[in-house]
Amino acid sequence: MPVFKTPFNGYSVKFSPFYESRIAVATAQNFGILGNGRLHVLDLNPAGPITEHIAFDTADGVYDVSWSESHDSLLVAAIADGSVKLYDLALPPTSNPIRSFHEHTREVHSADYNPVRRDSFLTSSWDDTSKLWTLDRPTSVRTFKEHAYCVYSSVWNPRHGDVFASASGDCTVRIWDVREPGSTMIIPAHDFEVLSCDWNKYDDCCIATASVDKSIRVWDVRSYRTPVSVLNGHGYAVRKVKFSPHRQGLLASCSYDMTVCLWDYMLEDALVGRYDHHTEFAVGIDMSVLVEGLLASTGWDELVYVWQHGTDPRAP
């Protein structure tokens, strides 16, 4: 698979849940510290180069993107100015964004669409909160504020439409049920900031966390005193972790050590793949729901790679 060069630094990459050959990439100028952003929607061509389907410019960096689970043309973007923007690919760039929600008081770091209900999405922010949104309301449905520091990631449970997890710089992961007044569980996941979390797609009690301490830990929320597995192998902070939609034990991670790793936490030798194709911090990783073994990554080297596990991401 070829590579795509973006004008800004890559922050997040997501495969479309509707089209095998489409991905979205969130980017930010000047490493996201100051400047503009751009949201790219790219088309993958097995026999040719990756091409840009459409792009949307923003006045501030784009830190994350999430595809709608109910409309194949809708995208939600997490913006550095504290806004959450909704884009419709069916409309020209001049008609976008079709909506902008501005309630967070600091950078919005993640967005995640509900895969079960398909009518709502979560955002999390450096203002220490997560928020629940639906498209039919101009304001958020609810704000979740218990973390004592930045919330870097909020992720829906793949089977329970009311349950999500949030990962924070306060070193904890909290489990929430939107029907309850407060969090239902607090996992002291690491001794350092937790930058990412993800639910296992085949075990709705299993969650992975990634931390500044360079490790990934796998937890069973029914018994979280000690992790099920600790995955060591990255040389710097682990920026993002993502469970496979196709294999129960498989997860992917990317790190400030510039590598993408694949793990099977159910094996004794858990590290099953390491890719060192990026030349700057690797901060975005995703695995295709529609094509087994298809990976995408992006990083601060302004490159987007899409490749099949077991092949060289740099191979033409």
C-alpha atoms as a PDB file:
ATOM      1  CA  MET A   1       0.000   0.000   0.000  1.00  0.00           C
ATOM      2  CA  PRO A   2       1.272   3.500  -0.748  1.00  0.00           C
ATOM      3  CA  VAL A   3       1.710   6.412   1.633  1.00  0.00           C
ATOM      4  CA  PHE A   4      -0.015   9.810   1.749  1.00  0.00           C
ATOM      5  CA  LYS A   5       1.740  13.059   2.660  1.00  0.00           C
ATOM      6  CA  THR A   6      -0.271  15.648   4.575  1.00  0.00           C
ATOM      7  CA  PRO A   7       0.735  19.313   4.850  1.00  0.00           C
ATOM      8  CA  PHE A   8       0.416  19.244   8.656  1.00  0.00           C
ATOM      9  CA  ASN A   9       1.361  16.823  11.438  1.00  0.00           C
ATOM     10  CA  GLY A  10      -0.854  13.757  11.717  1.00  0.00           C
ATOM     11  CA  TYR A  11      -2.849  13.236  14.917  1.00  0.00           C
ATOM     12  CA  SER A  12      -5.480  10.588  14.271  1.00  0.00           C
ATOM     13  CA  VAL A  13      -6.567   8.160  11.560  1.00  0.00           C
ATOM     14  CA  LYS A  14      -9.870   6.257  11.301  1.00  0.00           C
ATOM     15  CA  PHE A  15     -11.207   3.721   8.818  1.00  0.00           C
ATOM     16  CA  SER A  16     -14.749   4.264   7.572  1.00  0.00           C
ATOM     17  CA  PRO A  17     -17.217   1.710   8.990  1.00  0.00           C
ATOM     18  CA  PHE A  18     -19.059   1.807   5.639  1.00  0.00           C
ATOM     19  CA  TYR A  19     -16.377   1.778   2.917  1.00  0.00           C
ATOM     20  CA  GLU A  20     -13.379  -0.550   2.777  1.00  0.00           C
ATOM     21  CA  SER A  21     -11.319   1.997   0.892  1.00  0.00           C
ATOM     22  CA  ARG A  22     -11.928   5.203   2.850  1.00  0.00           C
ATOM     23  CA  ILE A  23     -10.110   6.709   5.835  1.00  0.00           C
ATOM     24  CA  ALA A  24     -10.227  10.038   7.664  1.00  0.00           C
ATOM     25  CA  VAL A  25      -7.115  11.758   8.997  1.00  0.00           C
ATOM     26  CA  ALA A  26      -6.965  14.554  11.581  1.00  0.00           C
ATOM     27  CA  THR A  27      -3.955  16.895  11.307  1.00  0.00           C
ATOM     28  CA  ALA A  28      -2.601  19.989  13.043  1.00  0.00           C
ATOM     29  CA  GLN A  29       0.000  22.577  12.075  1.00  0.00           C
ATOM     30  CA  ASN A  30       3.179  23.079  14.128  1.00  0.00           C
ATOM     31  CA  PHE A  31       2.742  19.778  16.009  1.00  0.00           C
ATOM     32  CA  GLY A  32      -0.650  20.956  17.263  1.00  0.00           C
ATOM     33  CA  ILE A  33       0.819  23.653  19.472  1.00  0.00           C
ATOM     34  CA  LEU A  34      -0.350  26.634  17.432  1.00  0.00           C
ATOM     35  CA  GLY A  35      -1.861  27.121  13.992  1.00  0.00           C
ATOM     36  CA  ASN A  36      -4.421  25.668  11.624  1.00  0.00           C
ATOM     37  CA  GLY A  37      -5.740  22.174  11.136  1.00  0.00           C
ATOM     38  CA  ARG A  38      -7.025  20.068   8.287  1.00  0.00           C
ATOM     39  CA  LEU A  39      -9.349  17.091   8.179  1.00  0.00           C
ATOM     40  CA  HIS A  40      -8.588  14.808   5.222  1.00  0.00           C
ATOM     41  CA  VAL A  41     -10.838  12.114   3.796  1.00  0.00           C
ATOM     42  CA  LEU A  42      -8.729   9.756   1.684  1.00  0.00           C
ATOM     43  CA  ASP A  43      -9.582   7.001  -0.779  1.00  0.00           C
ATOM     44  CA  LEU A  44      -7.415   3.885  -0.904  1.00  0.00           C
ATOM     45  CA  ASN A  45      -6.687   2.457  -4.333  1.00  0.00           C
ATOM     46  CA  PRO A  46      -5.235  -1.088  -4.206  1.00  0.00           C
ATOM     47  CA  ALA A  47      -3.566  -0.619  -7.589  1.00  0.00           C
ATOM     48  CA  GLY A  48      -2.537   3.014  -7.221  1.00  0.00           C
ATOM     49  CA  PRO A  49      -1.803   5.917  -4.902  1.00  0.00           C
ATOM     50  CA  ILE A  50      -3.929   7.079  -1.992  1.00  0.00           C
ATOM     51  CA  THR A  51      -6.017  10.006  -3.229  1.00  0.00           C
ATOM     52  CA  GLU A  52      -7.731  12.816  -1.392  1.00  0.00           C
ATOM     53  CA  HIS A  53     -11.519  12.623  -1.602  1.00  0.00           C
ATOM     54  CA  ILE A  54     -12.123  15.904   0.231  1.00  0.00           C
ATOM     55  CA  ALA A  55     -10.446  18.086   2.860  1.00  0.00           C
ATOM     56  CA  PHE A  56     -11.748  20.598   5.378  1.00  0.00           C
ATOM     57  CA  ASP A  57      -9.611  23.404   6.782  1.00  0.00           C
ATOM     58  CA  THR A  58      -9.959  24.566  10.372  1.00  0.00           C
ATOM     59  CA  ALA A  59      -8.642  27.613  12.189  1.00  0.00           C
ATOM     60  CA  ASP A  60      -7.169  25.365  14.893  1.00  0.00           C
ATOM     61  CA  GLY A  61      -5.592  21.922  14.962  1.00  0.00           C
ATOM     62  CA  VAL A  62      -7.718  18.799  14.569  1.00  0.00           C
ATOM     63  CA  TYR A  63      -6.804  16.251  17.251  1.00  0.00           C
ATOM     64  CA  ASP A  64      -9.245  13.436  16.527  1.00  0.00           C
ATOM     65  CA  VAL A  65     -11.983  12.319  14.168  1.00  0.00           C
ATOM     66  CA  SER A  66     -14.813   9.804  14.417  1.00  0.00           C
ATOM     67  CA  TRP A  67     -17.092   8.474  11.683  1.00  0.00           C
ATOM     68  CA  SER A  68     -20.817   8.427  12.271  1.00  0.00           C
ATOM     69  CA  GLU A  69     -22.115   4.882  12.754  1.00  0.00           C
ATOM     70  CA  SER A  70     -25.467   5.735  11.146  1.00  0.00           C
ATOM     71  CA  HIS A  71     -24.628   8.014   8.177  1.00  0.00           C
ATOM     72  CA  ASP A  72     -21.785   7.128   5.816  1.00  0.00           C
ATOM     73  CA  SER A  73     -21.074  10.788   4.993  1.00  0.00           C
ATOM     74  CA  LEU A  74     -20.919  12.255   8.518  1.00  0.00           C
ATOM     75  CA  LEU A  75     -17.767  12.882  10.554  1.00  0.00           C
ATOM     76  CA  VAL A  76     -17.173  14.432  13.966  1.00  0.00           C
ATOM     77  CA  ALA A  77     -13.904  16.282  14.589  1.00  0.00           C
ATOM     78  CA  ALA A  78     -12.244  17.218  17.906  1.00  0.00           C
ATOM     79  CA  ILE A  79     -10.698  20.682  17.580  1.00  0.00           C
ATOM     80  CA  ALA A  80      -7.947  22.395  19.568  1.00  0.00           C
ATOM     81  CA  ASP A  81     -10.073  25.520  20.183  1.00  0.00           C
ATOM     82  CA  GLY A  82     -12.483  23.521  22.352  1.00  0.00           C
ATOM     83  CA  SER A  83     -15.072  23.017  19.610  1.00  0.00           C
ATOM     84  CA  VAL A  84     -16.568  19.851  18.164  1.00  0.00           C
ATOM     85  CA  LYS A  85     -17.375  20.107  14.476  1.00  0.00           C
ATOM     86  CA  LEU A  86     -19.721  17.996  12.351  1.00  0.00           C
ATOM     87  CA  TYR A  87     -18.924  17.515   8.649  1.00  0.00           C
ATOM     88  CA  ASP A  88     -21.021  16.082   5.821  1.00  0.00           C
ATOM     89  CA  LEU A  89     -19.059  14.668   2.888  1.00  0.00           C
ATOM     90  CA  ALA A  90     -22.167  14.893   0.721  1.00  0.00           C
ATOM     91  CA  LEU A  91     -21.902  18.697   0.847  1.00  0.00           C
ATOM     92  CA  PRO A  92     -19.133  20.874  -0.625  1.00  0.00           C
ATOM     93  CA  PRO A  93     -16.375  22.142   1.690  1.00  0.00           C
ATOM     94  CA  THR A  94     -17.906  25.637   1.622  1.00  0.00           C
ATOM     95  CA  SER A  95     -21.099  24.274   3.222  1.00  0.00           C
ATOM     96  CA  ASN A  96     -19.113  22.633   6.043  1.00  0.00           C
ATOM     97  CA  PRO A  97     -18.980  22.253   8.949  1.00  0.00           C
ATOM     98  CA  ILE A  98     -22.729  21.791   9.156  1.00  0.00           C
ATOM     99  CA  ARG A  99     -22.577  22.214  12.921  1.00  0.00           C
ATOM    100  CA  SER A 100     -20.135  23.417  15.554  1.00  0.00           C
ATOM    101  CA  PHE A 101     -20.583  22.675  19.245  1.00  0.00           C
ATOM    102  CA  HIS A 102     -18.524  24.806  21.600  1.00  0.00           C
ATOM    103  CA  GLU A 103     -18.858  23.856  25.264  1.00  0.00           C
ATOM    104  CA  HIS A 104     -15.449  22.489  26.198  1.00  0.00           C
ATOM    105  CA  THR A 105     -13.230  25.216  27.660  1.00  0.00           C
ATOM    106  CA  ARG A 106      -9.961  23.679  26.491  1.00  0.00           C
ATOM    107  CA  GLU A 107      -8.667  21.494  23.641  1.00  0.00           C
ATOM    108  CA  VAL A 108     -10.928  18.612  22.619  1.00  0.00           C
ATOM    109  CA  HIS A 109      -8.685  15.566  22.428  1.00  0.00           C
ATOM    110  CA  SER A 110     -10.955  12.704  21.373  1.00  0.00           C
ATOM    111  CA  ALA A 111     -14.282  11.862  19.748  1.00  0.00           C
ATOM    112  CA  ASP A 112     -16.014   8.480  19.666  1.00  0.00           C
ATOM    113  CA  TYR A 113     -19.330   7.543  18.038  1.00  0.00           C
ATOM    114  CA  ASN A 114     -21.616   5.102  19.821  1.00  0.00           C
ATOM    115  CA  PRO A 115     -21.432   1.802  17.860  1.00  0.00           C
ATOM    116  CA  VAL A 116     -24.492   0.313  19.578  1.00  0.00           C
ATOM    117  CA  ARG A 117     -27.045   3.145  19.632  1.00  0.00           C
ATOM    118  CA  ARG A 118     -25.470   4.923  16.651  1.00  0.00           C
ATOM    119  CA  ASP A 119     -27.235   8.162  17.607  1.00  0.00           C
ATOM    120  CA  SER A 120     -24.733   9.756  19.976  1.00  0.00           C
ATOM    121  CA  PHE A 121     -21.050  10.434  20.455  1.00  0.00           C
ATOM    122  CA  LEU A 122     -18.577  11.252  23.196  1.00  0.00           C
ATOM    123  CA  THR A 123     -15.881  13.893  23.354  1.00  0.00           C
ATOM    124  CA  SER A 124     -13.131  14.332  25.929  1.00  0.00           C
ATOM    125  CA  SER A 125     -11.068  17.383  26.669  1.00  0.00           C
ATOM    126  CA  TRP A 126      -8.148  18.914  28.481  1.00  0.00           C
ATOM    127  CA  ASP A 127     -10.794  20.712  30.581  1.00  0.00           C
ATOM    128  CA  ASP A 128     -10.976  17.426  32.600  1.00  0.00           C
ATOM    129  CA  THR A 129     -14.429  16.489  31.271  1.00  0.00           C
ATOM    130  CA  SER A 130     -16.151  14.145  28.856  1.00  0.00           C
ATOM    131  CA  LYS A 131     -19.384  15.156  27.139  1.00  0.00           C
ATOM    132  CA  LEU A 132     -22.248  13.208  25.577  1.00  0.00           C
ATOM    133  CA  TRP A 133     -23.859  14.616  22.410  1.00  0.00           C
ATOM    134  CA  THR A 134     -26.685  13.771  20.012  1.00  0.00           C
ATOM    135  CA  LEU A 135     -27.142  15.373  16.607  1.00  0.00           C
ATOM    136  CA  ASP A 136     -30.680  16.515  17.342  1.00  0.00           C
ATOM    137  CA  ARG A 137     -29.645  18.763  20.235  1.00  0.00           C
ATOM    138  CA  PRO A 138     -27.702  22.036  20.013  1.00  0.00           C
ATOM    139  CA  THR A 139     -26.096  21.476  23.422  1.00  0.00           C
ATOM    140  CA  SER A 140     -24.538  18.448  25.076  1.00  0.00           C
ATOM    141  CA  VAL A 141     -26.817  15.915  26.738  1.00  0.00           C
ATOM    142  CA  ARG A 142     -24.513  15.567  29.744  1.00  0.00           C
ATOM    143  CA  THR A 143     -21.079  16.471  31.097  1.00  0.00           C
ATOM    144  CA  PHE A 144     -19.034  13.912  33.051  1.00  0.00           C
ATOM    145  CA  LYS A 145     -16.665  15.648  35.446  1.00  0.00           C
ATOM    146  CA  GLU A 146     -14.816  13.536  37.996  1.00  0.00           C
ATOM    147  CA  HIS A 147     -11.286  13.342  36.603  1.00  0.00           C
ATOM    148  CA  ALA A 148      -8.713  15.603  38.240  1.00  0.00           C
ATOM    149  CA  TYR A 149      -6.749  16.223  35.043  1.00  0.00           C
ATOM    150  CA  CYS A 150      -7.038  16.117  31.233  1.00  0.00           C
ATOM    151  CA  VAL A 151      -9.290  13.429  29.779  1.00  0.00           C
ATOM    152  CA  TYR A 152      -7.403  12.116  26.758  1.00  0.00           C
ATOM    153  CA  SER A 153      -9.816   9.458  25.581  1.00  0.00           C
ATOM    154  CA  SER A 154     -13.434   8.379  26.063  1.00  0.00           C
ATOM    155  CA  VAL A 155     -14.508   5.142  24.388  1.00  0.00           C
ATOM    156  CA  TRP A 156     -17.883   3.421  24.173  1.00  0.00           C
ATOM    157  CA  ASN A 157     -18.274  -0.190  25.189  1.00  0.00           C
ATOM    158  CA  PRO A 158     -18.809  -2.253  21.983  1.00  0.00           C
ATOM    159  CA  ARG A 159     -21.865  -4.071  23.351  1.00  0.00           C
ATOM    160  CA  HIS A 160     -23.496  -1.824  25.948  1.00  0.00           C
ATOM    161  CA  GLY A 161     -24.797   1.423  24.493  1.00  0.00           C
ATOM    162  CA  ASP A 162     -24.872   3.185  27.874  1.00  0.00           C
ATOM    163  CA  VAL A 163     -21.363   2.274  29.064  1.00  0.00           C
ATOM    164  CA  PHE A 164     -18.067   3.993  28.296  1.00  0.00           C
ATOM    165  CA  ALA A 165     -14.565   4.317  29.699  1.00  0.00           C
ATOM    166  CA  SER A 166     -12.457   7.459  30.071  1.00  0.00           C
ATOM    167  CA  ALA A 167      -8.661   7.659  30.332  1.00  0.00           C
ATOM    168  CA  SER A 168      -7.059  10.585  32.106  1.00  0.00           C
ATOM    169  CA  GLY A 169      -3.825  12.267  33.037  1.00  0.00           C
ATOM    170  CA  ASP A 170      -4.835  11.702  36.678  1.00  0.00           C
ATOM    171  CA  CYS A 171      -3.554   8.106  36.175  1.00  0.00           C
ATOM    172  CA  THR A 172      -7.009   6.540  36.338  1.00  0.00           C
ATOM    173  CA  VAL A 173      -9.549   5.030  33.997  1.00  0.00           C
ATOM    174  CA  ARG A 174     -13.175   5.511  34.973  1.00  0.00           C
ATOM    175  CA  ILE A 175     -16.079   3.359  33.821  1.00  0.00           C
ATOM    176  CA  TRP A 176     -19.380   5.191  33.343  1.00  0.00           C
ATOM    177  CA  ASP A 177     -22.988   4.232  32.753  1.00  0.00           C
ATOM    178  CA  VAL A 178     -24.860   7.238  31.384  1.00  0.00           C
ATOM    179  CA  ARG A 179     -27.957   6.154  33.363  1.00  0.00           C
ATOM    180  CA  GLU A 180     -26.037   6.549  36.633  1.00  0.00           C
ATOM    181  CA  PRO A 181     -25.245   9.875  38.366  1.00  0.00           C
ATOM    182  CA  GLY A 182     -21.504   9.222  38.668  1.00  0.00           C
ATOM    183  CA  SER A 183     -18.805   6.852  37.499  1.00  0.00           C
ATOM    184  CA  THR A 184     -19.409   3.217  38.435  1.00  0.00           C
ATOM    185  CA  MET A 185     -15.753   2.217  38.706  1.00  0.00           C
ATOM    186  CA  ILE A 186     -12.337   3.819  39.138  1.00  0.00           C
ATOM    187  CA  ILE A 187      -9.335   1.800  37.973  1.00  0.00           C
ATOM    188  CA  PRO A 188      -5.945   3.105  39.211  1.00  0.00           C
ATOM    189  CA  ALA A 189      -4.510   1.901  35.924  1.00  0.00           C
ATOM    190  CA  HIS A 190      -0.944   3.280  35.944  1.00  0.00           C
ATOM    191  CA  ASP A 191       1.373   5.387  38.096  1.00  0.00           C
ATOM    192  CA  PHE A 192       1.666   7.881  35.245  1.00  0.00           C
ATOM    193  CA  GLU A 193      -0.750   9.593  32.862  1.00  0.00           C
ATOM    194  CA  VAL A 194      -3.101   7.296  30.943  1.00  0.00           C
ATOM    195  CA  LEU A 195      -3.179   8.519  27.338  1.00  0.00           C
ATOM    196  CA  SER A 196      -5.550   6.006  25.754  1.00  0.00           C
ATOM    197  CA  CYS A 197      -7.941   3.139  26.422  1.00  0.00           C
ATOM    198  CA  ASP A 198      -9.987   0.743  24.335  1.00  0.00           C
ATOM    199  CA  TRP A 199     -12.515  -2.016  24.910  1.00  0.00           C
ATOM    200  CA  ASN A 200     -12.036  -5.542  23.637  1.00  0.00           C
ATOM    201  CA  LYS A 201     -14.546  -6.151  20.834  1.00  0.00           C
ATOM    202  CA  TYR A 202     -15.065  -9.788  21.913  1.00  0.00           C
ATOM    203  CA  ASP A 203     -15.083  -9.416  25.688  1.00  0.00           C
ATOM    204  CA  ASP A 204     -17.074  -6.459  26.985  1.00  0.00           C
ATOM    205  CA  CYS A 205     -15.413  -6.716  30.404  1.00  0.00           C
ATOM    206  CA  CYS A 206     -11.896  -6.382  28.996  1.00  0.00           C
ATOM    207  CA  ILE A 207     -10.183  -3.029  28.542  1.00  0.00           C
ATOM    208  CA  ALA A 208      -6.660  -1.988  27.530  1.00  0.00           C
ATOM    209  CA  THR A 209      -4.894   1.131  28.801  1.00  0.00           C
ATOM    210  CA  ALA A 210      -1.795   2.901  27.454  1.00  0.00           C
ATOM    211  CA  SER A 211       0.417   5.167  29.506  1.00  0.00           C
ATOM    212  CA  VAL A 212       3.337   7.533  29.724  1.00  0.00           C
ATOM    213  CA  ASP A 213       5.053   4.714  31.674  1.00  0.00           C
ATOM    214  CA  LYS A 214       5.685   3.014  28.251  1.00  0.00           C
ATOM    215  CA  SER A 215       3.383   0.093  29.056  1.00  0.00           C
ATOM    216  CA  ILE A 216       0.022  -1.238  27.973  1.00  0.00           C
ATOM    217  CA  ARG A 217      -2.109  -2.978  30.574  1.00  0.00           C
ATOM    218  CA  VAL A 218      -5.099  -5.213  29.962  1.00  0.00           C
ATOM    219  CA  TRP A 219      -7.822  -5.254  32.644  1.00  0.00           C
ATOM    220  CA  ASP A 220     -10.892  -7.276  33.482  1.00  0.00           C
ATOM    221  CA  VAL A 221     -13.380  -4.822  34.989  1.00  0.00           C
ATOM    222  CA  ARG A 222     -14.914  -7.616  37.086  1.00  0.00           C
ATOM    223  CA  SER A 223     -11.627  -7.965  38.972  1.00  0.00           C
ATOM    224  CA  TYR A 224      -9.328  -5.002  38.464  1.00  0.00           C
ATOM    225  CA  ARG A 225      -6.978  -5.240  41.448  1.00  0.00           C
ATOM    226  CA  THR A 226      -4.236  -6.482  39.137  1.00  0.00           C
ATOM    227  CA  PRO A 227      -4.040  -6.352  35.336  1.00  0.00           C
ATOM    228  CA  VAL A 228      -4.678  -9.461  33.266  1.00  0.00           C
ATOM    229  CA  SER A 229      -1.580  -8.643  31.233  1.00  0.00           C
ATOM    230  CA  VAL A 230       1.210  -6.042  31.131  1.00  0.00           C
ATOM    231  CA  LEU A 231       2.732  -5.413  27.699  1.00  0.00           C
ATOM    232  CA  ASN A 232       6.206  -3.895  27.739  1.00  0.00           C
ATOM    233  CA  GLY A 233       8.207  -3.151  24.622  1.00  0.00           C
ATOM    234  CA  HIS A 234       7.762   0.496  23.713  1.00  0.00           C
ATOM    235  CA  GLY A 235      10.675   2.823  24.489  1.00  0.00           C
ATOM    236  CA  TYR A 236       8.596   5.921  25.223  1.00  0.00           C
ATOM    237  CA  ALA A 237       5.027   6.855  26.165  1.00  0.00           C
ATOM    238  CA  VAL A 238       2.330   4.795  24.430  1.00  0.00           C
ATOM    239  CA  ARG A 239       0.047   7.266  22.710  1.00  0.00           C
ATOM    240  CA  LYS A 240      -2.809   5.104  21.499  1.00  0.00           C
ATOM    241  CA  VAL A 241      -4.072   1.544  21.867  1.00  0.00           C
ATOM    242  CA  LYS A 242      -6.708  -0.185  19.732  1.00  0.00           C
ATOM    243  CA  PHE A 243      -8.215  -3.672  19.949  1.00  0.00           C
ATOM    244  CA  SER A 244      -8.674  -5.696  16.778  1.00  0.00           C
ATOM    245  CA  PRO A 245     -12.229  -6.000  15.446  1.00  0.00           C
ATOM    246  CA  HIS A 246     -11.346  -9.480  14.146  1.00  0.00           C
ATOM    247  CA  ARG A 247      -9.263 -11.309  16.788  1.00  0.00           C
ATOM    248  CA  GLN A 248      -9.946 -11.356  20.517  1.00  0.00           C
ATOM    249  CA  GLY A 249      -6.404 -11.136  21.849  1.00  0.00           C
ATOM    250  CA  LEU A 250      -4.966  -8.787  19.233  1.00  0.00           C
ATOM    251  CA  LEU A 251      -4.317  -5.104  19.808  1.00  0.00           C
ATOM    252  CA  ALA A 252      -2.281  -2.395  18.122  1.00  0.00           C
ATOM    253  CA  SER A 253      -0.390   0.477  19.727  1.00  0.00           C
ATOM    254  CA  CYS A 254       1.624   3.487  18.627  1.00  0.00           C
ATOM    255  CA  SER A 255       4.176   5.416  20.599  1.00  0.00           C
ATOM    256  CA  TYR A 256       6.438   8.420  20.899  1.00  0.00           C
ATOM    257  CA  ASP A 257       9.232   5.906  20.167  1.00  0.00           C
ATOM    258  CA  MET A 258       8.008   6.215  16.521  1.00  0.00           C
ATOM    259  CA  THR A 259       6.889   2.584  16.291  1.00  0.00           C
ATOM    260  CA  VAL A 260       3.603   0.773  15.791  1.00  0.00           C
ATOM    261  CA  CYS A 261       3.338  -2.530  17.661  1.00  0.00           C
ATOM    262  CA  LEU A 262       0.935  -5.455  17.419  1.00  0.00           C
ATOM    263  CA  TRP A 263       0.314  -7.592  20.473  1.00  0.00           C
ATOM    264  CA  ASP A 264      -1.612 -10.701  21.384  1.00  0.00           C
ATOM    265  CA  TYR A 265      -2.028 -10.434  25.131  1.00  0.00           C
ATOM    266  CA  MET A 266      -3.224 -14.048  25.321  1.00  0.00           C
ATOM    267  CA  LEU A 267       0.165 -15.357  24.147  1.00  0.00           C
ATOM    268  CA  GLU A 268       3.251 -15.743  26.314  1.00  0.00           C
ATOM    269  CA  ASP A 269       5.333 -13.845  23.760  1.00  0.00           C
ATOM    270  CA  ALA A 270       2.781 -11.087  23.374  1.00  0.00           C
ATOM    271  CA  LEU A 271       4.629  -8.875  20.857  1.00  0.00           C
ATOM    272  CA  VAL A 272       3.651 -10.227  17.423  1.00  0.00           C
ATOM    273  CA  GLY A 273       4.735  -7.328  15.217  1.00  0.00           C
ATOM    274  CA  ARG A 274       6.757  -4.127  15.298  1.00  0.00           C
ATOM    275  CA  TYR A 275       6.801  -1.504  12.548  1.00  0.00           C
ATOM    276  CA  ASP A 276       9.289   1.363  12.530  1.00  0.00           C
ATOM    277  CA  HIS A 277       8.148   3.188   9.391  1.00  0.00           C
ATOM    278  CA  HIS A 278       7.539   6.571  11.029  1.00  0.00           C
ATOM    279  CA  THR A 279      10.384   9.054  11.487  1.00  0.00           C
ATOM    280  CA  GLU A 280       8.592  11.151  14.122  1.00  0.00           C
ATOM    281  CA  PHE A 281       6.160  10.458  16.973  1.00  0.00           C
ATOM    282  CA  ALA A 282       3.531   7.888  15.904  1.00  0.00           C
ATOM    283  CA  VAL A 283       0.294   9.162  17.422  1.00  0.00           C
ATOM    284  CA  GLY A 284      -2.586   7.730  15.363  1.00  0.00           C
ATOM    285  CA  ILE A 285      -3.467   4.075  14.769  1.00  0.00           C
ATOM    286  CA  ASP A 286      -6.536   2.218  13.554  1.00  0.00           C
ATOM    287  CA  MET A 287      -7.574  -1.245  12.371  1.00  0.00           C
ATOM    288  CA  SER A 288     -10.157  -1.755   9.641  1.00  0.00           C
ATOM    289  CA  VAL A 289     -13.470  -3.281  10.670  1.00  0.00           C
ATOM    290  CA  LEU A 290     -14.165  -4.350   7.081  1.00  0.00           C
ATOM    291  CA  VAL A 291     -10.780  -5.772   6.000  1.00  0.00           C
ATOM    292  CA  GLU A 292      -9.050  -8.132   8.433  1.00  0.00           C
ATOM    293  CA  GLY A 293      -5.398  -7.274   9.082  1.00  0.00           C
ATOM    294  CA  LEU A 294      -5.551  -3.838   7.443  1.00  0.00           C
ATOM    295  CA  LEU A 295      -3.822  -1.162   9.534  1.00  0.00           C
ATOM    296  CA  ALA A 296      -3.422   2.600   9.250  1.00  0.00           C
ATOM    297  CA  SER A 297      -1.117   4.928  11.143  1.00  0.00           C
ATOM    298  CA  THR A 298      -0.167   8.577  11.136  1.00  0.00           C
ATOM    299  CA  GLY A 299       2.358  10.694  12.978  1.00  0.00           C
ATOM    300  CA  TRP A 300       4.188  13.957  13.320  1.00  0.00           C
ATOM    301  CA  ASP A 301       6.236  13.125  10.189  1.00  0.00           C
ATOM    302  CA  GLU A 302       3.134  14.225   8.186  1.00  0.00           C
ATOM    303  CA  LEU A 303       2.702  10.752   6.691  1.00  0.00           C
ATOM    304  CA  VAL A 304      -0.275   8.393   6.572  1.00  0.00           C
ATOM    305  CA  TYR A 305       0.456   4.700   6.014  1.00  0.00           C
ATOM    306  CA  VAL A 306      -2.030   1.943   5.204  1.00  0.00           C
ATOM    307  CA  TRP A 307      -0.763  -1.639   5.096  1.00  0.00           C
ATOM    308  CA  GLN A 308      -1.614  -5.261   5.617  1.00  0.00           C
ATOM    309  CA  HIS A 309      -0.204  -6.838   8.783  1.00  0.00           C
ATOM    310  CA  GLY A 310       2.925  -8.797   7.937  1.00  0.00           C
ATOM    311  CA  THR A 311       3.916  -6.536   5.022  1.00  0.00           C
ATOM    312  CA  ASP A 312       6.258  -3.535   4.978  1.00  0.00           C
ATOM    313  CA  PRO A 313       4.250  -0.283   5.331  1.00  0.00           C
ATOM    314  CA  ARG A 314       6.845   1.456   3.143  1.00  0.00           C
ATOM    315  CA  ALA A 315       6.589  -1.048   0.292  1.00  0.00           C
ATOM    316  CA  PRO A 316       5.077   0.501  -2.844  1.00  0.00           C
END
